[in-house]
Amino acid sequence: MLVATVIAVDPPLKKGCPEPIDVQPCKCESGPYTVLQCNHVDDTEILRNVFQKSTKYAFRE
């Protein structure tokens, strides 16, 4: 009998901000907490792209 075990290990989240070009038109501020602020963005596709490009970073919720 063969038994296989697969363990998915997520890499640790990065501190700081993504590159500004990756989160435009949003702004990222790094301090004690990293904050990604998106104001006046009506296009959900733009927000989706920003969040996809910043998934490796830890943000304050």
Protein backbone atom coordinates (compact mmCIF):
# COMPACT_ATOMS: atom_id res chain seq x y z
CA MET A 1 0.00 0.00 0.00
CA LEU A 2 1.36 3.43 -0.97
CA VAL A 3 0.58 6.52 1.05
CA ALA A 4 1.40 10.02 -0.14
CA THR A 5 1.27 13.11 2.00
CA VAL A 6 1.30 16.57 0.50
CA ILE A 7 1.81 19.59 2.70
CA ALA A 8 1.33 23.04 1.25
CA VAL A 9 3.53 25.61 2.90
CA ASP A 10 2.82 29.24 2.17
CA PRO A 11 5.87 31.49 2.18
CA PRO A 12 5.88 34.17 4.88
CA LEU A 13 4.31 37.48 3.96
CA LYS A 14 6.63 40.36 3.08
CA LYS A 15 6.78 43.51 5.16
CA GLY A 16 6.66 46.95 3.61
CA CYS A 17 4.91 48.05 0.43
CA PRO A 18 4.68 46.62 -3.07
CA GLU A 19 6.15 48.68 -5.90
CA PRO A 20 4.01 51.81 -6.47
CA ILE A 21 3.35 50.80 -10.09
CA ASP A 22 1.80 47.53 -8.86
CA VAL A 23 -0.77 49.22 -6.63
CA GLN A 24 -1.71 52.29 -8.71
CA PRO A 25 -4.07 54.15 -8.26
CA CYS A 26 -3.89 53.09 -4.60
CA LYS A 27 -1.31 54.36 -2.14
CA CYS A 28 0.69 52.24 0.27
CA GLU A 29 2.07 53.57 3.55
CA SER A 30 4.58 51.60 5.56
CA GLY A 31 5.04 52.27 9.26
CA PRO A 32 4.25 50.25 12.34
CA TYR A 33 1.49 48.83 10.12
CA THR A 34 1.39 48.68 6.35
CA VAL A 35 -1.77 50.27 4.95
CA LEU A 36 -3.03 50.08 1.38
CA GLN A 37 -5.49 52.89 0.72
CA CYS A 38 -7.65 53.02 -2.40
CA ASN A 39 -9.91 56.07 -2.74
CA HIS A 40 -12.45 56.90 -5.43
CA VAL A 41 -11.86 53.71 -7.44
CA ASP A 42 -15.09 52.63 -9.10
CA ASP A 43 -13.67 49.94 -11.39
CA THR A 44 -13.64 46.54 -9.66
CA GLU A 45 -11.14 45.20 -12.20
CA ILE A 46 -8.60 47.82 -11.10
CA LEU A 47 -9.08 46.81 -7.45
CA ARG A 48 -8.82 43.13 -8.34
CA ASN A 49 -5.49 43.75 -10.10
CA VAL A 50 -4.13 45.76 -7.17
CA PHE A 51 -5.01 43.02 -4.70
CA GLN A 52 -3.62 40.25 -6.91
CA LYS A 53 -0.30 42.08 -7.21
CA SER A 54 -0.05 42.63 -3.46
CA THR A 55 -0.98 39.21 -2.04
CA LYS A 56 2.61 38.56 -0.87
CA TYR A 57 2.50 41.53 1.51
CA ALA A 58 1.10 41.79 5.03
CA PHE A 59 -1.39 44.62 5.54
CA ARG A 60 -3.28 45.81 8.58
CA GLU A 61 -6.90 44.67 8.35
